[in-house]
Amino acid sequence: MPTLSIFYGIEIRMYWKDHPPPHFHVFYAGHLAVVDIRRVEIVEGILPRGAWSLVLLWTQEHQQELLEAFELCQKLIPPSKITPLP
């Protein structure tokens, strides 16, 4: 499972050949969540409010890169890392 970015203790990952719709997995302090890339919303799990605010901002800034990474993972091609929040 490629790790796309890590910032403020938040890890963003994708699974190889994962099911649609395009999404990514967030791991933070024992919390797990799945975020729909197009709708930019949590579709499974839960995150603390502060962590979700950071993930939301980061997702909006990198939405196209995330969609491209999802497509690459579908083809078993390693995606590039995505710039973390400063």
N, C-alpha and C. Protein backbone atom coordinates (compact mmCIF):
# COMPACT_ATOMS: atom_id res chain seq x y z
N MET A 1 0.85 -1.16 0.00
CA MET A 1 0.00 0.00 0.00
C MET A 1 0.90 1.23 0.00
N PRO A 2 0.92 1.97 -1.11
CA PRO A 2 1.77 3.16 -1.17
C PRO A 2 1.33 4.26 -0.20
N THR A 3 2.31 4.85 0.46
CA THR A 3 2.06 6.03 1.29
C THR A 3 2.32 7.24 0.41
N LEU A 4 1.29 8.07 0.23
CA LEU A 4 1.40 9.22 -0.66
C LEU A 4 1.95 10.45 0.03
N SER A 5 1.61 10.61 1.31
CA SER A 5 2.05 11.81 2.02
C SER A 5 1.91 11.58 3.53
N ILE A 6 2.74 12.28 4.27
CA ILE A 6 2.66 12.27 5.74
C ILE A 6 2.84 13.71 6.21
N PHE A 7 1.91 14.19 7.03
CA PHE A 7 2.02 15.53 7.59
C PHE A 7 1.30 15.56 8.93
N TYR A 8 1.91 16.19 9.91
CA TYR A 8 1.35 16.35 11.25
C TYR A 8 0.86 15.02 11.84
N GLY A 9 1.59 13.95 11.57
CA GLY A 9 1.22 12.64 12.09
C GLY A 9 0.11 11.95 11.31
N ILE A 10 -0.34 12.56 10.24
CA ILE A 10 -1.40 12.00 9.39
C ILE A 10 -0.75 11.30 8.20
N GLU A 11 -1.11 10.03 8.00
CA GLU A 11 -0.59 9.27 6.86
C GLU A 11 -1.70 9.07 5.84
N ILE A 12 -1.37 9.36 4.58
CA ILE A 12 -2.31 9.20 3.47
C ILE A 12 -1.80 8.04 2.62
N ARG A 13 -2.64 7.01 2.45
CA ARG A 13 -2.24 5.82 1.69
C ARG A 13 -3.33 5.41 0.71
N MET A 14 -2.92 4.59 -0.27
CA MET A 14 -3.85 3.97 -1.21
C MET A 14 -3.49 2.50 -1.33
N TYR A 15 -4.49 1.68 -1.57
CA TYR A 15 -4.27 0.26 -1.81
C TYR A 15 -4.13 0.02 -3.30
N TRP A 16 -3.37 -1.01 -3.66
CA TRP A 16 -3.28 -1.43 -5.05
C TRP A 16 -4.63 -1.99 -5.49
N LYS A 17 -5.05 -1.66 -6.69
CA LYS A 17 -6.28 -2.19 -7.31
C LYS A 17 -7.49 -2.11 -6.38
N ASP A 18 -7.62 -1.00 -5.67
CA ASP A 18 -8.74 -0.82 -4.75
C ASP A 18 -10.02 -0.53 -5.54
N HIS A 19 -11.14 -0.71 -4.89
CA HIS A 19 -12.45 -0.54 -5.52
C HIS A 19 -12.78 0.94 -5.76
N PRO A 20 -13.60 1.22 -6.78
CA PRO A 20 -14.09 2.58 -6.96
C PRO A 20 -15.14 2.90 -5.90
N PRO A 21 -15.47 4.15 -5.70
CA PRO A 21 -14.97 5.35 -6.36
C PRO A 21 -13.56 5.68 -5.87
N PRO A 22 -12.87 6.56 -6.59
CA PRO A 22 -11.51 6.93 -6.18
C PRO A 22 -11.49 7.47 -4.75
N HIS A 23 -10.60 6.91 -3.96
CA HIS A 23 -10.53 7.28 -2.55
C HIS A 23 -9.13 7.01 -2.01
N PHE A 24 -8.89 7.48 -0.80
CA PHE A 24 -7.63 7.17 -0.12
C PHE A 24 -7.94 6.87 1.35
N HIS A 25 -6.95 6.31 2.02
CA HIS A 25 -7.08 5.90 3.42
C HIS A 25 -6.23 6.83 4.27
N VAL A 26 -6.81 7.26 5.39
CA VAL A 26 -6.13 8.16 6.31
C VAL A 26 -5.91 7.41 7.62
N PHE A 27 -4.69 7.48 8.13
CA PHE A 27 -4.33 6.87 9.41
C PHE A 27 -3.80 7.99 10.30
N TYR A 28 -4.43 8.14 11.48
CA TYR A 28 -4.00 9.20 12.40
C TYR A 28 -4.31 8.80 13.83
N ALA A 29 -3.29 8.67 14.65
CA ALA A 29 -3.43 8.45 16.09
C ALA A 29 -4.47 7.38 16.44
N GLY A 30 -4.41 6.25 15.76
CA GLY A 30 -5.33 5.15 16.03
C GLY A 30 -6.67 5.28 15.31
N HIS A 31 -6.88 6.36 14.60
CA HIS A 31 -8.12 6.55 13.83
C HIS A 31 -7.86 6.15 12.38
N LEU A 32 -8.90 5.62 11.75
CA LEU A 32 -8.83 5.26 10.33
C LEU A 32 -10.03 5.87 9.64
N ALA A 33 -9.81 6.37 8.42
CA ALA A 33 -10.92 6.92 7.64
C ALA A 33 -10.64 6.70 6.17
N VAL A 34 -11.70 6.62 5.40
CA VAL A 34 -11.62 6.53 3.95
C VAL A 34 -12.25 7.80 3.40
N VAL A 35 -11.52 8.48 2.50
CA VAL A 35 -11.98 9.75 1.95
C VAL A 35 -12.21 9.62 0.45
N ASP A 36 -13.42 9.96 0.02
CA ASP A 36 -13.77 10.00 -1.40
C ASP A 36 -13.08 11.22 -2.00
N ILE A 37 -12.28 11.01 -3.04
CA ILE A 37 -11.49 12.10 -3.61
C ILE A 37 -12.37 13.11 -4.34
N ARG A 38 -13.33 12.65 -5.10
CA ARG A 38 -14.17 13.58 -5.87
C ARG A 38 -15.12 14.39 -4.99
N ARG A 39 -15.73 13.73 -4.02
CA ARG A 39 -16.68 14.42 -3.13
C ARG A 39 -15.99 15.11 -1.95
N VAL A 40 -14.73 14.77 -1.72
CA VAL A 40 -13.94 15.31 -0.62
C VAL A 40 -14.72 15.19 0.69
N GLU A 41 -15.05 13.93 1.01
CA GLU A 41 -15.75 13.66 2.27
C GLU A 41 -15.38 12.29 2.79
N ILE A 42 -15.49 12.13 4.09
CA ILE A 42 -15.23 10.83 4.71
C ILE A 42 -16.41 9.92 4.40
N VAL A 43 -16.10 8.75 3.84
CA VAL A 43 -17.16 7.79 3.51
C VAL A 43 -17.13 6.58 4.44
N GLU A 44 -16.07 6.48 5.23
CA GLU A 44 -15.96 5.38 6.19
C GLU A 44 -15.00 5.80 7.29
N GLY A 45 -15.32 5.46 8.52
CA GLY A 45 -14.45 5.77 9.64
C GLY A 45 -14.68 7.17 10.18
N ILE A 46 -13.73 7.62 10.99
CA ILE A 46 -13.85 8.93 11.63
C ILE A 46 -12.46 9.47 11.95
N LEU A 47 -12.35 10.78 11.93
CA LEU A 47 -11.11 11.47 12.31
C LEU A 47 -11.46 12.58 13.30
N PRO A 48 -10.55 12.90 14.19
CA PRO A 48 -10.77 14.06 15.04
C PRO A 48 -10.93 15.32 14.17
N ARG A 49 -11.69 16.27 14.66
CA ARG A 49 -12.01 17.47 13.88
C ARG A 49 -10.78 18.19 13.33
N GLY A 50 -9.75 18.36 14.15
CA GLY A 50 -8.54 19.05 13.70
C GLY A 50 -7.83 18.31 12.59
N ALA A 51 -7.71 16.99 12.73
CA ALA A 51 -7.07 16.19 11.69
C ALA A 51 -7.88 16.24 10.41
N TRP A 52 -9.22 16.16 10.53
CA TRP A 52 -10.06 16.21 9.33
C TRP A 52 -9.92 17.56 8.63
N SER A 53 -9.81 18.64 9.37
CA SER A 53 -9.63 19.96 8.76
C SER A 53 -8.36 20.01 7.92
N LEU A 54 -7.28 19.42 8.44
CA LEU A 54 -6.02 19.39 7.69
C LEU A 54 -6.13 18.50 6.45
N VAL A 55 -6.77 17.34 6.60
CA VAL A 55 -6.93 16.43 5.46
C VAL A 55 -7.82 17.09 4.39
N LEU A 56 -8.86 17.76 4.82
CA LEU A 56 -9.76 18.45 3.89
C LEU A 56 -9.00 19.50 3.08
N LEU A 57 -8.24 20.33 3.74
CA LEU A 57 -7.45 21.36 3.06
C LEU A 57 -6.47 20.73 2.08
N TRP A 58 -5.74 19.71 2.55
CA TRP A 58 -4.74 19.04 1.71
C TRP A 58 -5.41 18.39 0.50
N THR A 59 -6.55 17.74 0.69
CA THR A 59 -7.25 17.07 -0.41
C THR A 59 -7.69 18.08 -1.46
N GLN A 60 -8.22 19.20 -1.03
CA GLN A 60 -8.65 20.23 -1.98
C GLN A 60 -7.47 20.76 -2.79
N GLU A 61 -6.31 20.88 -2.17
CA GLU A 61 -5.12 21.37 -2.86
C GLU A 61 -4.54 20.35 -3.84
N HIS A 62 -4.78 19.07 -3.60
CA HIS A 62 -4.12 18.01 -4.39
C HIS A 62 -5.11 17.04 -5.03
N GLN A 63 -6.33 17.48 -5.27
CA GLN A 63 -7.37 16.59 -5.78
C GLN A 63 -6.96 15.91 -7.09
N GLN A 64 -6.45 16.67 -8.05
CA GLN A 64 -6.07 16.08 -9.34
C GLN A 64 -4.94 15.07 -9.18
N GLU A 65 -3.96 15.39 -8.37
CA GLU A 65 -2.85 14.46 -8.12
C GLU A 65 -3.37 13.17 -7.48
N LEU A 66 -4.33 13.30 -6.59
CA LEU A 66 -4.90 12.12 -5.92
C LEU A 66 -5.65 11.24 -6.92
N LEU A 67 -6.41 11.87 -7.82
CA LEU A 67 -7.12 11.08 -8.85
C LEU A 67 -6.13 10.35 -9.74
N GLU A 68 -5.04 11.02 -10.11
CA GLU A 68 -4.01 10.38 -10.93
C GLU A 68 -3.34 9.24 -10.16
N ALA A 69 -3.07 9.43 -8.89
CA ALA A 69 -2.46 8.37 -8.07
C ALA A 69 -3.38 7.17 -7.98
N PHE A 70 -4.69 7.40 -7.84
CA PHE A 70 -5.65 6.29 -7.77
C PHE A 70 -5.60 5.48 -9.07
N GLU A 71 -5.58 6.17 -10.20
CA GLU A 71 -5.50 5.48 -11.50
C GLU A 71 -4.21 4.67 -11.61
N LEU A 72 -3.11 5.22 -11.18
CA LEU A 72 -1.83 4.49 -11.23
C LEU A 72 -1.89 3.25 -10.35
N CYS A 73 -2.45 3.38 -9.16
CA CYS A 73 -2.55 2.23 -8.25
C CYS A 73 -3.44 1.13 -8.86
N GLN A 74 -4.44 1.52 -9.63
CA GLN A 74 -5.29 0.54 -10.31
C GLN A 74 -4.47 -0.29 -11.29
N LYS A 75 -3.45 0.32 -11.86
CA LYS A 75 -2.59 -0.34 -12.86
C LYS A 75 -1.32 -0.92 -12.24
N LEU A 76 -1.25 -0.91 -10.91
CA LEU A 76 -0.08 -1.40 -10.16
C LEU A 76 1.20 -0.63 -10.49
N ILE A 77 1.03 0.66 -10.81
CA ILE A 77 2.17 1.54 -11.07
C ILE A 77 2.35 2.43 -9.84
N PRO A 78 3.53 2.44 -9.26
CA PRO A 78 3.74 3.26 -8.06
C PRO A 78 3.49 4.74 -8.34
N PRO A 79 2.63 5.37 -7.54
CA PRO A 79 2.39 6.81 -7.71
C PRO A 79 3.51 7.63 -7.08
N SER A 80 3.60 8.87 -7.50
CA SER A 80 4.57 9.78 -6.89
C SER A 80 4.09 10.24 -5.53
N LYS A 81 5.01 10.64 -4.69
CA LYS A 81 4.64 11.24 -3.41
C LYS A 81 3.95 12.58 -3.69
N ILE A 82 3.06 12.96 -2.78
CA ILE A 82 2.36 14.24 -2.91
C ILE A 82 2.82 15.14 -1.78
N THR A 83 3.10 16.38 -2.11
CA THR A 83 3.62 17.35 -1.15
C THR A 83 2.73 17.44 0.09
N PRO A 84 3.31 17.32 1.26
CA PRO A 84 2.53 17.45 2.50
C PRO A 84 2.20 18.91 2.79
N LEU A 85 1.32 19.13 3.75
CA LEU A 85 1.07 20.48 4.22
C LEU A 85 2.32 21.00 4.90
N PRO A 86 2.58 22.30 4.77
CA PRO A 86 3.79 22.86 5.43
C PRO A 86 3.62 22.94 6.94
